[in-house]
Amino acid sequence: MVKKTQSQILNDVLFELQEIKRGLPNGEIVLIHKSLQDLETGQKTLQSEIRTIQKRLFNPDNGLIVEVNKNTEFKIDNQKKLKDVEGLLSWKSNVTKALWVIYSAIIGVIIKLLFWN
């Protein structure tokens, strides 16, 4: 093994430092830092928007879930009322048919009394 002199070692170190300097990104670190800051800002904005959406969804007074539940209850109540109305319409139809039979019988009796004594 050949021993290097101190000046050769210093020249080698100087050469390596120049190589390291050449390999360093020129301004890329600043761009990366700026990109990370923009990403952090975007993430904070996204978090605040998610919180806003959660408030609108889960608000116990007028949130979306509460509104959907109210609509479901309204629909169930109206279906019960609709069944009652359908029953009433069926009853009305049957009463109307019965009244036509009674009217026909009364008209027949009146005609018989007037023309066949």
PDB file of N, CA and C in Angstrom:
ATOM      1  N   MET A   1       0.808  -1.162   0.000  1.00  0.00           N
ATOM      2  CA  MET A   1       0.000   0.000   0.000  1.00  0.00           C
ATOM      3  C   MET A   1       0.870   1.252   0.000  1.00  0.00           C
ATOM      4  N   VAL A   2       0.452   2.168  -0.854  1.00  0.00           N
ATOM      5  CA  VAL A   2       1.236   3.391  -0.970  1.00  0.00           C
ATOM      6  C   VAL A   2       0.648   4.436  -0.035  1.00  0.00           C
ATOM      7  N   LYS A   3       1.500   5.050   0.729  1.00  0.00           N
ATOM      8  CA  LYS A   3       1.050   6.090   1.640  1.00  0.00           C
ATOM      9  C   LYS A   3       0.896   7.386   0.873  1.00  0.00           C
ATOM     10  N   LYS A   4      -0.244   8.068   1.169  1.00  0.00           N
ATOM     11  CA  LYS A   4      -0.505   9.343   0.507  1.00  0.00           C
ATOM     12  C   LYS A   4      -0.003  10.462   1.417  1.00  0.00           C
ATOM     13  N   THR A   5       0.417  11.490   0.762  1.00  0.00           N
ATOM     14  CA  THR A   5       0.865  12.642   1.536  1.00  0.00           C
ATOM     15  C   THR A   5      -0.351  13.467   1.955  1.00  0.00           C
ATOM     16  N   GLN A   6      -0.077  14.348   2.862  1.00  0.00           N
ATOM     17  CA  GLN A   6      -1.162  15.153   3.385  1.00  0.00           C
ATOM     18  C   GLN A   6      -1.768  16.025   2.292  1.00  0.00           C
ATOM     19  N   SER A   7      -1.023  16.531   1.380  1.00  0.00           N
ATOM     20  CA  SER A   7      -1.530  17.375   0.296  1.00  0.00           C
ATOM     21  C   SER A   7      -2.378  16.547  -0.667  1.00  0.00           C
ATOM     22  N   GLN A   8      -1.997  15.272  -0.892  1.00  0.00           N
ATOM     23  CA  GLN A   8      -2.810  14.411  -1.760  1.00  0.00           C
ATOM     24  C   GLN A   8      -4.169  14.121  -1.113  1.00  0.00           C
ATOM     25  N   ILE A   9      -4.132  13.894   0.200  1.00  0.00           N
ATOM     26  CA  ILE A   9      -5.389  13.637   0.909  1.00  0.00           C
ATOM     27  C   ILE A   9      -6.275  14.878   0.855  1.00  0.00           C
ATOM     28  N   LEU A  10      -5.680  16.056   1.059  1.00  0.00           N
ATOM     29  CA  LEU A  10      -6.456  17.283   1.000  1.00  0.00           C
ATOM     30  C   LEU A  10      -7.007  17.528  -0.401  1.00  0.00           C
ATOM     31  N   ASN A  11      -6.229  17.206  -1.421  1.00  0.00           N
ATOM     32  CA  ASN A  11      -6.706  17.329  -2.803  1.00  0.00           C
ATOM     33  C   ASN A  11      -7.877  16.376  -3.062  1.00  0.00           C
ATOM     34  N   ASP A  12      -7.776  15.146  -2.531  1.00  0.00           N
ATOM     35  CA  ASP A  12      -8.871  14.175  -2.691  1.00  0.00           C
ATOM     36  C   ASP A  12     -10.144  14.672  -1.991  1.00  0.00           C
ATOM     37  N   VAL A  13      -9.969  15.225  -0.782  1.00  0.00           N
ATOM     38  CA  VAL A  13     -11.122  15.757  -0.044  1.00  0.00           C
ATOM     39  C   VAL A  13     -11.719  16.936  -0.788  1.00  0.00           C
ATOM     40  N   LEU A  14     -10.865  17.811  -1.316  1.00  0.00           N
ATOM     41  CA  LEU A  14     -11.340  18.958  -2.084  1.00  0.00           C
ATOM     42  C   LEU A  14     -12.098  18.502  -3.324  1.00  0.00           C
ATOM     43  N   PHE A  15     -11.580  17.499  -3.993  1.00  0.00           N
ATOM     44  CA  PHE A  15     -12.241  16.953  -5.174  1.00  0.00           C
ATOM     45  C   PHE A  15     -13.609  16.382  -4.806  1.00  0.00           C
ATOM     46  N   GLU A  16     -13.679  15.648  -3.714  1.00  0.00           N
ATOM     47  CA  GLU A  16     -14.951  15.061  -3.265  1.00  0.00           C
ATOM     48  C   GLU A  16     -15.955  16.148  -2.875  1.00  0.00           C
ATOM     49  N   LEU A  17     -15.482  17.229  -2.238  1.00  0.00           N
ATOM     50  CA  LEU A  17     -16.372  18.333  -1.883  1.00  0.00           C
ATOM     51  C   LEU A  17     -16.929  19.019  -3.126  1.00  0.00           C
ATOM     52  N   GLN A  18     -16.106  19.161  -4.146  1.00  0.00           N
ATOM     53  CA  GLN A  18     -16.584  19.747  -5.396  1.00  0.00           C
ATOM     54  C   GLN A  18     -17.631  18.837  -6.053  1.00  0.00           C
ATOM     55  N   GLU A  19     -17.436  17.543  -5.981  1.00  0.00           N
ATOM     56  CA  GLU A  19     -18.418  16.590  -6.526  1.00  0.00           C
ATOM     57  C   GLU A  19     -19.741  16.687  -5.754  1.00  0.00           C
ATOM     58  N   ILE A  20     -19.624  16.823  -4.445  1.00  0.00           N
ATOM     59  CA  ILE A  20     -20.835  16.956  -3.622  1.00  0.00           C
ATOM     60  C   ILE A  20     -21.568  18.246  -3.969  1.00  0.00           C
ATOM     61  N   LYS A  21     -20.820  19.343  -4.154  1.00  0.00           N
ATOM     62  CA  LYS A  21     -21.428  20.613  -4.518  1.00  0.00           C
ATOM     63  C   LYS A  21     -22.111  20.508  -5.870  1.00  0.00           C
ATOM     64  N   ARG A  22     -21.505  19.839  -6.796  1.00  0.00           N
ATOM     65  CA  ARG A  22     -22.069  19.675  -8.129  1.00  0.00           C
ATOM     66  C   ARG A  22     -23.366  18.852  -8.072  1.00  0.00           C
ATOM     67  N   GLY A  23     -23.441  17.923  -7.145  1.00  0.00           N
ATOM     68  CA  GLY A  23     -24.620  17.066  -7.012  1.00  0.00           C
ATOM     69  C   GLY A  23     -25.754  17.697  -6.226  1.00  0.00           C
ATOM     70  N   LEU A  24     -25.472  18.799  -5.520  1.00  0.00           N
ATOM     71  CA  LEU A  24     -26.522  19.451  -4.743  1.00  0.00           C
ATOM     72  C   LEU A  24     -27.547  20.075  -5.683  1.00  0.00           C
ATOM     73  N   PRO A  25     -28.814  19.977  -5.318  1.00  0.00           N
ATOM     74  CA  PRO A  25     -29.856  20.588  -6.163  1.00  0.00           C
ATOM     75  C   PRO A  25     -29.810  22.105  -6.034  1.00  0.00           C
ATOM     76  N   ASN A  26     -29.857  22.746  -7.162  1.00  0.00           N
ATOM     77  CA  ASN A  26     -29.839  24.209  -7.177  1.00  0.00           C
ATOM     78  C   ASN A  26     -31.278  24.705  -7.135  1.00  0.00           C
ATOM     79  N   GLY A  27     -31.742  25.102  -5.976  1.00  0.00           N
ATOM     80  CA  GLY A  27     -33.087  25.628  -5.844  1.00  0.00           C
ATOM     81  C   GLY A  27     -34.149  24.551  -5.723  1.00  0.00           C
ATOM     82  N   GLU A  28     -33.782  23.306  -5.919  1.00  0.00           N
ATOM     83  CA  GLU A  28     -34.776  22.236  -5.834  1.00  0.00           C
ATOM     84  C   GLU A  28     -35.268  22.068  -4.395  1.00  0.00           C
ATOM     85  N   ILE A  29     -34.402  22.283  -3.440  1.00  0.00           N
ATOM     86  CA  ILE A  29     -34.809  22.147  -2.046  1.00  0.00           C
ATOM     87  C   ILE A  29     -35.858  23.213  -1.719  1.00  0.00           C
ATOM     88  N   VAL A  30     -35.670  24.411  -2.245  1.00  0.00           N
ATOM     89  CA  VAL A  30     -36.639  25.478  -2.011  1.00  0.00           C
ATOM     90  C   VAL A  30     -37.978  25.109  -2.644  1.00  0.00           C
ATOM     91  N   LEU A  31     -37.939  24.548  -3.864  1.00  0.00           N
ATOM     92  CA  LEU A  31     -39.175  24.135  -4.536  1.00  0.00           C
ATOM     93  C   LEU A  31     -39.872  23.008  -3.771  1.00  0.00           C
ATOM     94  N   ILE A  32     -39.093  22.075  -3.283  1.00  0.00           N
ATOM     95  CA  ILE A  32     -39.665  20.971  -2.512  1.00  0.00           C
ATOM     96  C   ILE A  32     -40.294  21.508  -1.228  1.00  0.00           C
ATOM     97  N   HIS A  33     -39.612  22.434  -0.576  1.00  0.00           N
ATOM     98  CA  HIS A  33     -40.141  23.043   0.643  1.00  0.00           C
ATOM     99  C   HIS A  33     -41.445  23.791   0.353  1.00  0.00           C
ATOM    100  N   LYS A  34     -41.476  24.541  -0.754  1.00  0.00           N
ATOM    101  CA  LYS A  34     -42.684  25.268  -1.147  1.00  0.00           C
ATOM    102  C   LYS A  34     -43.818  24.288  -1.449  1.00  0.00           C
ATOM    103  N   SER A  35     -43.502  23.209  -2.132  1.00  0.00           N
ATOM    104  CA  SER A  35     -44.523  22.205  -2.449  1.00  0.00           C
ATOM    105  C   SER A  35     -45.078  21.581  -1.179  1.00  0.00           C
ATOM    106  N   LEU A  36     -44.225  21.304  -0.212  1.00  0.00           N
ATOM    107  CA  LEU A  36     -44.691  20.747   1.055  1.00  0.00           C
ATOM    108  C   LEU A  36     -45.573  21.732   1.808  1.00  0.00           C
ATOM    109  N   GLN A  37     -45.216  23.012   1.759  1.00  0.00           N
ATOM    110  CA  GLN A  37     -46.053  24.021   2.410  1.00  0.00           C
ATOM    111  C   GLN A  37     -47.421  24.110   1.735  1.00  0.00           C
ATOM    112  N   ASP A  38     -47.430  24.085   0.398  1.00  0.00           N
ATOM    113  CA  ASP A  38     -48.699  24.112  -0.335  1.00  0.00           C
ATOM    114  C   ASP A  38     -49.544  22.885  -0.005  1.00  0.00           C
ATOM    115  N   LEU A  39     -48.894  21.744   0.098  1.00  0.00           N
ATOM    116  CA  LEU A  39     -49.597  20.508   0.443  1.00  0.00           C
ATOM    117  C   LEU A  39     -50.199  20.600   1.844  1.00  0.00           C
ATOM    118  N   GLU A  40     -49.442  21.170   2.766  1.00  0.00           N
ATOM    119  CA  GLU A  40     -49.934  21.320   4.137  1.00  0.00           C
ATOM    120  C   GLU A  40     -51.129  22.283   4.175  1.00  0.00           C
ATOM    121  N   THR A  41     -51.045  23.373   3.420  1.00  0.00           N
ATOM    122  CA  THR A  41     -52.151  24.329   3.351  1.00  0.00           C
ATOM    123  C   THR A  41     -53.394  23.674   2.758  1.00  0.00           C
ATOM    124  N   GLY A  42     -53.209  22.926   1.687  1.00  0.00           N
ATOM    125  CA  GLY A  42     -54.328  22.226   1.066  1.00  0.00           C
ATOM    126  C   GLY A  42     -54.953  21.208   2.003  1.00  0.00           C
ATOM    127  N   GLN A  43     -54.125  20.542   2.765  1.00  0.00           N
ATOM    128  CA  GLN A  43     -54.628  19.546   3.709  1.00  0.00           C
ATOM    129  C   GLN A  43     -55.441  20.221   4.816  1.00  0.00           C
ATOM    130  N   LYS A  44     -54.976  21.375   5.296  1.00  0.00           N
ATOM    131  CA  LYS A  44     -55.731  22.103   6.327  1.00  0.00           C
ATOM    132  C   LYS A  44     -57.077  22.577   5.777  1.00  0.00           C
ATOM    133  N   THR A  45     -57.071  23.055   4.535  1.00  0.00           N
ATOM    134  CA  THR A  45     -58.320  23.482   3.902  1.00  0.00           C
ATOM    135  C   THR A  45     -59.278  22.309   3.769  1.00  0.00           C
ATOM    136  N   LEU A  46     -58.758  21.179   3.348  1.00  0.00           N
ATOM    137  CA  LEU A  46     -59.569  19.978   3.198  1.00  0.00           C
ATOM    138  C   LEU A  46     -60.146  19.535   4.537  1.00  0.00           C
ATOM    139  N   GLN A  47     -59.347  19.615   5.587  1.00  0.00           N
ATOM    140  CA  GLN A  47     -59.837  19.249   6.918  1.00  0.00           C
ATOM    141  C   GLN A  47     -60.972  20.168   7.354  1.00  0.00           C
ATOM    142  N   SER A  48     -60.837  21.462   7.089  1.00  0.00           N
ATOM    143  CA  SER A  48     -61.904  22.390   7.489  1.00  0.00           C
ATOM    144  C   SER A  48     -63.170  22.131   6.683  1.00  0.00           C
ATOM    145  N   GLU A  49     -63.036  21.805   5.406  1.00  0.00           N
ATOM    146  CA  GLU A  49     -64.213  21.502   4.595  1.00  0.00           C
ATOM    147  C   GLU A  49     -64.867  20.204   5.057  1.00  0.00           C
ATOM    148  N   ILE A  50     -64.081  19.233   5.442  1.00  0.00           N
ATOM    149  CA  ILE A  50     -64.632  17.976   5.961  1.00  0.00           C
ATOM    150  C   ILE A  50     -65.385  18.239   7.255  1.00  0.00           C
ATOM    151  N   ARG A  51     -64.845  19.098   8.113  1.00  0.00           N
ATOM    152  CA  ARG A  51     -65.542  19.442   9.359  1.00  0.00           C
ATOM    153  C   ARG A  51     -66.883  20.121   9.046  1.00  0.00           C
ATOM    154  N   THR A  52     -66.893  21.009   8.056  1.00  0.00           N
ATOM    155  CA  THR A  52     -68.125  21.686   7.670  1.00  0.00           C
ATOM    156  C   THR A  52     -69.158  20.676   7.176  1.00  0.00           C
ATOM    157  N   ILE A  53     -68.725  19.744   6.367  1.00  0.00           N
ATOM    158  CA  ILE A  53     -69.635  18.708   5.857  1.00  0.00           C
ATOM    159  C   ILE A  53     -70.148  17.844   7.002  1.00  0.00           C
ATOM    160  N   GLN A  54     -69.283  17.485   7.924  1.00  0.00           N
ATOM    161  CA  GLN A  54     -69.714  16.687   9.071  1.00  0.00           C
ATOM    162  C   GLN A  54     -70.745  17.439   9.895  1.00  0.00           C
ATOM    163  N   LYS A  55     -70.536  18.737  10.086  1.00  0.00           N
ATOM    164  CA  LYS A  55     -71.512  19.533  10.839  1.00  0.00           C
ATOM    165  C   LYS A  55     -72.858  19.534  10.137  1.00  0.00           C
ATOM    166  N   ARG A  56     -72.842  19.665   8.805  1.00  0.00           N
ATOM    167  CA  ARG A  56     -74.096  19.675   8.058  1.00  0.00           C
ATOM    168  C   ARG A  56     -74.772  18.311   8.085  1.00  0.00           C
ATOM    169  N   LEU A  57     -73.987  17.256   8.104  1.00  0.00           N
ATOM    170  CA  LEU A  57     -74.563  15.911   8.127  1.00  0.00           C
ATOM    171  C   LEU A  57     -75.117  15.546   9.495  1.00  0.00           C
ATOM    172  N   PHE A  58     -74.340  15.807  10.530  1.00  0.00           N
ATOM    173  CA  PHE A  58     -74.654  15.287  11.857  1.00  0.00           C
ATOM    174  C   PHE A  58     -75.253  16.313  12.817  1.00  0.00           C
ATOM    175  N   ASN A  59     -75.618  17.487  12.325  1.00  0.00           N
ATOM    176  CA  ASN A  59     -76.222  18.490  13.190  1.00  0.00           C
ATOM    177  C   ASN A  59     -77.531  17.935  13.759  1.00  0.00           C
ATOM    178  N   PRO A  60     -77.690  17.911  15.094  1.00  0.00           N
ATOM    179  CA  PRO A  60     -78.885  17.277  15.669  1.00  0.00           C
ATOM    180  C   PRO A  60     -80.167  18.075  15.450  1.00  0.00           C
ATOM    181  N   ASP A  61     -80.059  19.336  15.072  1.00  0.00           N
ATOM    182  CA  ASP A  61     -81.258  20.145  14.860  1.00  0.00           C
ATOM    183  C   ASP A  61     -81.758  20.082  13.422  1.00  0.00           C
ATOM    184  N   ASN A  62     -80.862  20.301  12.477  1.00  0.00           N
ATOM    185  CA  ASN A  62     -81.294  20.336  11.078  1.00  0.00           C
ATOM    186  C   ASN A  62     -80.272  19.677  10.140  1.00  0.00           C
ATOM    187  N   GLY A  63     -79.605  18.668  10.621  1.00  0.00           N
ATOM    188  CA  GLY A  63     -78.635  17.967   9.797  1.00  0.00           C
ATOM    189  C   GLY A  63     -79.319  17.099   8.756  1.00  0.00           C
ATOM    190  N   LEU A  64     -78.550  16.639   7.812  1.00  0.00           N
ATOM    191  CA  LEU A  64     -79.081  15.826   6.722  1.00  0.00           C
ATOM    192  C   LEU A  64     -79.679  14.531   7.238  1.00  0.00           C
ATOM    193  N   ILE A  65     -79.036  13.905   8.192  1.00  0.00           N
ATOM    194  CA  ILE A  65     -79.535  12.645   8.727  1.00  0.00           C
ATOM    195  C   ILE A  65     -80.872  12.867   9.434  1.00  0.00           C
ATOM    196  N   VAL A  66     -80.985  13.964  10.175  1.00  0.00           N
ATOM    197  CA  VAL A  66     -82.243  14.280  10.857  1.00  0.00           C
ATOM    198  C   VAL A  66     -83.340  14.520   9.829  1.00  0.00           C
ATOM    199  N   GLU A  67     -83.024  15.234   8.763  1.00  0.00           N
ATOM    200  CA  GLU A  67     -84.014  15.504   7.718  1.00  0.00           C
ATOM    201  C   GLU A  67     -84.476  14.214   7.047  1.00  0.00           C
ATOM    202  N   VAL A  68     -83.542  13.313   6.776  1.00  0.00           N
ATOM    203  CA  VAL A  68     -83.906  12.033   6.164  1.00  0.00           C
ATOM    204  C   VAL A  68     -84.815  11.237   7.092  1.00  0.00           C
ATOM    205  N   ASN A  69     -84.505  11.245   8.381  1.00  0.00           N
ATOM    206  CA  ASN A  69     -85.355  10.537   9.340  1.00  0.00           C
ATOM    207  C   ASN A  69     -86.753  11.162   9.401  1.00  0.00           C
ATOM    208  N   LYS A  70     -86.829  12.493   9.363  1.00  0.00           N
ATOM    209  CA  LYS A  70     -88.133  13.166   9.365  1.00  0.00           C
ATOM    210  C   LYS A  70     -88.923  12.791   8.115  1.00  0.00           C
ATOM    211  N   ASN A  71     -88.247  12.770   6.979  1.00  0.00           N
ATOM    212  CA  ASN A  71     -88.926  12.404   5.733  1.00  0.00           C
ATOM    213  C   ASN A  71     -89.437  10.967   5.787  1.00  0.00           C
ATOM    214  N   THR A  72     -88.662  10.080   6.376  1.00  0.00           N
ATOM    215  CA  THR A  72     -89.074   8.689   6.499  1.00  0.00           C
ATOM    216  C   THR A  72     -90.301   8.571   7.397  1.00  0.00           C
ATOM    217  N   GLU A  73     -90.294   9.283   8.527  1.00  0.00           N
ATOM    218  CA  GLU A  73     -91.456   9.269   9.421  1.00  0.00           C
ATOM    219  C   GLU A  73     -92.681   9.835   8.714  1.00  0.00           C
ATOM    220  N   PHE A  74     -92.508  10.926   7.972  1.00  0.00           N
ATOM    221  CA  PHE A  74     -93.606  11.539   7.231  1.00  0.00           C
ATOM    222  C   PHE A  74     -94.174  10.558   6.214  1.00  0.00           C
ATOM    223  N   LYS A  75     -93.296   9.855   5.531  1.00  0.00           N
ATOM    224  CA  LYS A  75     -93.725   8.879   4.520  1.00  0.00           C
ATOM    225  C   LYS A  75     -94.511   7.742   5.175  1.00  0.00           C
ATOM    226  N   ILE A  76     -94.052   7.243   6.298  1.00  0.00           N
ATOM    227  CA  ILE A  76     -94.745   6.152   6.996  1.00  0.00           C
ATOM    228  C   ILE A  76     -96.124   6.620   7.463  1.00  0.00           C
ATOM    229  N   ASP A  77     -96.177   7.825   8.041  1.00  0.00           N
ATOM    230  CA  ASP A  77     -97.466   8.365   8.484  1.00  0.00           C
ATOM    231  C   ASP A  77     -98.426   8.529   7.314  1.00  0.00           C
ATOM    232  N   ASN A  78     -97.930   9.034   6.204  1.00  0.00           N
ATOM    233  CA  ASN A  78     -98.791   9.242   5.038  1.00  0.00           C
ATOM    234  C   ASN A  78     -99.237   7.921   4.423  1.00  0.00           C
ATOM    235  N   GLN A  79     -98.410   6.883   4.500  1.00  0.00           N
ATOM    236  CA  GLN A  79     -98.835   5.578   3.994  1.00  0.00           C
ATOM    237  C   GLN A  79     -99.995   5.047   4.825  1.00  0.00           C
ATOM    238  N   LYS A  80     -99.959   5.250   6.145  1.00  0.00           N
ATOM    239  CA  LYS A  80    -101.071   4.834   7.002  1.00  0.00           C
ATOM    240  C   LYS A  80    -102.333   5.607   6.626  1.00  0.00           C
ATOM    241  N   LYS A  81    -102.196   6.913   6.422  1.00  0.00           N
ATOM    242  CA  LYS A  81    -103.339   7.734   6.047  1.00  0.00           C
ATOM    243  C   LYS A  81    -103.861   7.340   4.669  1.00  0.00           C
ATOM    244  N   LEU A  82    -102.970   6.999   3.763  1.00  0.00           N
ATOM    245  CA  LEU A  82    -103.369   6.577   2.423  1.00  0.00           C
ATOM    246  C   LEU A  82    -104.178   5.288   2.485  1.00  0.00           C
ATOM    247  N   LYS A  83    -103.795   4.362   3.358  1.00  0.00           N
ATOM    248  CA  LYS A  83    -104.572   3.132   3.528  1.00  0.00           C
ATOM    249  C   LYS A  83    -105.960   3.454   4.064  1.00  0.00           C
ATOM    250  N   ASP A  84    -106.062   4.416   4.996  1.00  0.00           N
ATOM    251  CA  ASP A  84    -107.357   4.835   5.519  1.00  0.00           C
ATOM    252  C   ASP A  84    -108.220   5.444   4.416  1.00  0.00           C
ATOM    253  N   VAL A  85    -107.611   6.263   3.568  1.00  0.00           N
ATOM    254  CA  VAL A  85    -108.341   6.891   2.473  1.00  0.00           C
ATOM    255  C   VAL A  85    -108.813   5.828   1.479  1.00  0.00           C
ATOM    256  N   GLU A  86    -107.963   4.852   1.183  1.00  0.00           N
ATOM    257  CA  GLU A  86    -108.352   3.782   0.259  1.00  0.00           C
ATOM    258  C   GLU A  86    -109.528   2.987   0.831  1.00  0.00           C
ATOM    259  N   GLY A  87    -109.511   2.734   2.138  1.00  0.00           N
ATOM    260  CA  GLY A  87    -110.634   2.049   2.779  1.00  0.00           C
ATOM    261  C   GLY A  87    -111.907   2.870   2.691  1.00  0.00           C
ATOM    262  N   LEU A  88    -111.785   4.183   2.894  1.00  0.00           N
ATOM    263  CA  LEU A  88    -112.933   5.071   2.810  1.00  0.00           C
ATOM    264  C   LEU A  88    -113.501   5.102   1.394  1.00  0.00           C
ATOM    265  N   LEU A  89    -112.645   5.132   0.398  1.00  0.00           N
ATOM    266  CA  LEU A  89    -113.099   5.128  -0.995  1.00  0.00           C
ATOM    267  C   LEU A  89    -113.802   3.817  -1.339  1.00  0.00           C
ATOM    268  N   SER A  90    -113.282   2.720  -0.829  1.00  0.00           N
ATOM    269  CA  SER A  90    -113.929   1.414  -1.046  1.00  0.00           C
ATOM    270  C   SER A  90    -115.311   1.406  -0.398  1.00  0.00           C
ATOM    271  N   TRP A  91    -115.410   1.910   0.825  1.00  0.00           N
ATOM    272  CA  TRP A  91    -116.707   1.969   1.520  1.00  0.00           C
ATOM    273  C   TRP A  91    -117.688   2.849   0.744  1.00  0.00           C
ATOM    274  N   LYS A  92    -117.205   4.001   0.244  1.00  0.00           N
ATOM    275  CA  LYS A  92    -118.051   4.908  -0.524  1.00  0.00           C
ATOM    276  C   LYS A  92    -118.577   4.217  -1.779  1.00  0.00           C
ATOM    277  N   SER A  93    -117.715   3.472  -2.441  1.00  0.00           N
ATOM    278  CA  SER A  93    -118.124   2.756  -3.646  1.00  0.00           C
ATOM    279  C   SER A  93    -119.223   1.756  -3.328  1.00  0.00           C
ATOM    280  N   ASN A  94    -119.066   1.013  -2.243  1.00  0.00           N
ATOM    281  CA  ASN A  94    -120.085   0.026  -1.859  1.00  0.00           C
ATOM    282  C   ASN A  94    -121.400   0.708  -1.481  1.00  0.00           C
ATOM    283  N   VAL A  95    -121.349   1.831  -0.755  1.00  0.00           N
ATOM    284  CA  VAL A  95    -122.556   2.560  -0.376  1.00  0.00           C
ATOM    285  C   VAL A  95    -123.251   3.105  -1.620  1.00  0.00           C
ATOM    286  N   THR A  96    -122.468   3.609  -2.565  1.00  0.00           N
ATOM    287  CA  THR A  96    -123.046   4.132  -3.804  1.00  0.00           C
ATOM    288  C   THR A  96    -123.790   3.030  -4.555  1.00  0.00           C
ATOM    289  N   LYS A  97    -123.205   1.854  -4.634  1.00  0.00           N
ATOM    290  CA  LYS A  97    -123.872   0.731  -5.304  1.00  0.00           C
ATOM    291  C   LYS A  97    -125.166   0.368  -4.580  1.00  0.00           C
ATOM    292  N   ALA A  98    -125.120   0.335  -3.253  1.00  0.00           N
ATOM    293  CA  ALA A  98    -126.320   0.006  -2.474  1.00  0.00           C
ATOM    294  C   ALA A  98    -127.403   1.056  -2.681  1.00  0.00           C
ATOM    295  N   LEU A  99    -127.034   2.319  -2.715  1.00  0.00           N
ATOM    296  CA  LEU A  99    -128.018   3.386  -2.931  1.00  0.00           C
ATOM    297  C   LEU A  99    -128.651   3.291  -4.317  1.00  0.00           C
ATOM    298  N   TRP A 100    -127.871   2.915  -5.326  1.00  0.00           N
ATOM    299  CA  TRP A 100    -128.448   2.750  -6.662  1.00  0.00           C
ATOM    300  C   TRP A 100    -129.473   1.616  -6.663  1.00  0.00           C
ATOM    301  N   VAL A 101    -129.173   0.565  -5.926  1.00  0.00           N
ATOM    302  CA  VAL A 101    -130.143  -0.531  -5.829  1.00  0.00           C
ATOM    303  C   VAL A 101    -131.410  -0.042  -5.133  1.00  0.00           C
ATOM    304  N   ILE A 102    -131.259   0.712  -4.035  1.00  0.00           N
ATOM    305  CA  ILE A 102    -132.419   1.232  -3.305  1.00  0.00           C
ATOM    306  C   ILE A 102    -133.195   2.220  -4.173  1.00  0.00           C
ATOM    307  N   TYR A 103    -132.513   3.135  -4.875  1.00  0.00           N
ATOM    308  CA  TYR A 103    -133.186   4.088  -5.758  1.00  0.00           C
ATOM    309  C   TYR A 103    -133.958   3.362  -6.853  1.00  0.00           C
ATOM    310  N   SER A 104    -133.336   2.334  -7.427  1.00  0.00           N
ATOM    311  CA  SER A 104    -134.010   1.564  -8.477  1.00  0.00           C
ATOM    312  C   SER A 104    -135.261   0.899  -7.923  1.00  0.00           C
ATOM    313  N   ALA A 105    -135.181   0.350  -6.726  1.00  0.00           N
ATOM    314  CA  ALA A 105    -136.340  -0.314  -6.120  1.00  0.00           C
ATOM    315  C   ALA A 105    -137.439   0.700  -5.833  1.00  0.00           C
ATOM    316  N   ILE A 106    -137.099   1.879  -5.311  1.00  0.00           N
ATOM    317  CA  ILE A 106    -138.095   2.913  -5.015  1.00  0.00           C
ATOM    318  C   ILE A 106    -138.761   3.393  -6.301  1.00  0.00           C
ATOM    319  N   ILE A 107    -137.972   3.635  -7.341  1.00  0.00           N
ATOM    320  CA  ILE A 107    -138.529   4.061  -8.628  1.00  0.00           C
ATOM    321  C   ILE A 107    -139.442   2.975  -9.179  1.00  0.00           C
ATOM    322  N   GLY A 108    -139.053   1.708  -9.053  1.00  0.00           N
ATOM    323  CA  GLY A 108    -139.903   0.603  -9.504  1.00  0.00           C
ATOM    324  C   GLY A 108    -141.208   0.553  -8.737  1.00  0.00           C
ATOM    325  N   VAL A 109    -141.187   0.738  -7.422  1.00  0.00           N
ATOM    326  CA  VAL A 109    -142.412   0.726  -6.608  1.00  0.00           C
ATOM    327  C   VAL A 109    -143.303   1.896  -6.996  1.00  0.00           C
ATOM    328  N   ILE A 110    -142.729   3.083  -7.212  1.00  0.00           N
ATOM    329  CA  ILE A 110    -143.523   4.261  -7.602  1.00  0.00           C
ATOM    330  C   ILE A 110    -144.184   4.018  -8.954  1.00  0.00           C
ATOM    331  N   ILE A 111    -143.414   3.471  -9.898  1.00  0.00           N
ATOM    332  CA  ILE A 111    -143.979   3.197 -11.230  1.00  0.00           C
ATOM    333  C   ILE A 111    -145.110   2.176 -11.107  1.00  0.00           C
ATOM    334  N   LYS A 112    -144.966   1.137 -10.309  1.00  0.00           N
ATOM    335  CA  LYS A 112    -146.002   0.107 -10.129  1.00  0.00           C
ATOM    336  C   LYS A 112    -147.253   0.711  -9.507  1.00  0.00           C
ATOM    337  N   LEU A 113    -147.074   1.590  -8.517  1.00  0.00           N
ATOM    338  CA  LEU A 113    -148.224   2.212  -7.873  1.00  0.00           C
ATOM    339  C   LEU A 113    -148.977   3.156  -8.822  1.00  0.00           C
ATOM    340  N   LEU A 114    -148.250   3.822  -9.694  1.00  0.00           N
ATOM    341  CA  LEU A 114    -148.890   4.769 -10.602  1.00  0.00           C
ATOM    342  C   LEU A 114    -149.600   4.066 -11.764  1.00  0.00           C
ATOM    343  N   PHE A 115    -149.016   3.019 -12.300  1.00  0.00           N
ATOM    344  CA  PHE A 115    -149.557   2.418 -13.510  1.00  0.00           C
ATOM    345  C   PHE A 115    -150.297   1.105 -13.287  1.00  0.00           C
ATOM    346  N   TRP A 116    -150.123   0.415 -12.203  1.00  0.00           N
ATOM    347  CA  TRP A 116    -150.778  -0.888 -11.989  1.00  0.00           C
ATOM    348  C   TRP A 116    -151.539  -0.895 -10.665  1.00  0.00           C
ATOM    349  N   ASN A 117    -152.714  -0.428 -10.680  1.00  0.00           N
ATOM    350  CA  ASN A 117    -153.532  -0.399  -9.462  1.00  0.00           C
ATOM    351  C   ASN A 117    -154.357  -1.632  -9.375  1.00  0.00           C
TER     352      ASN A 117
END
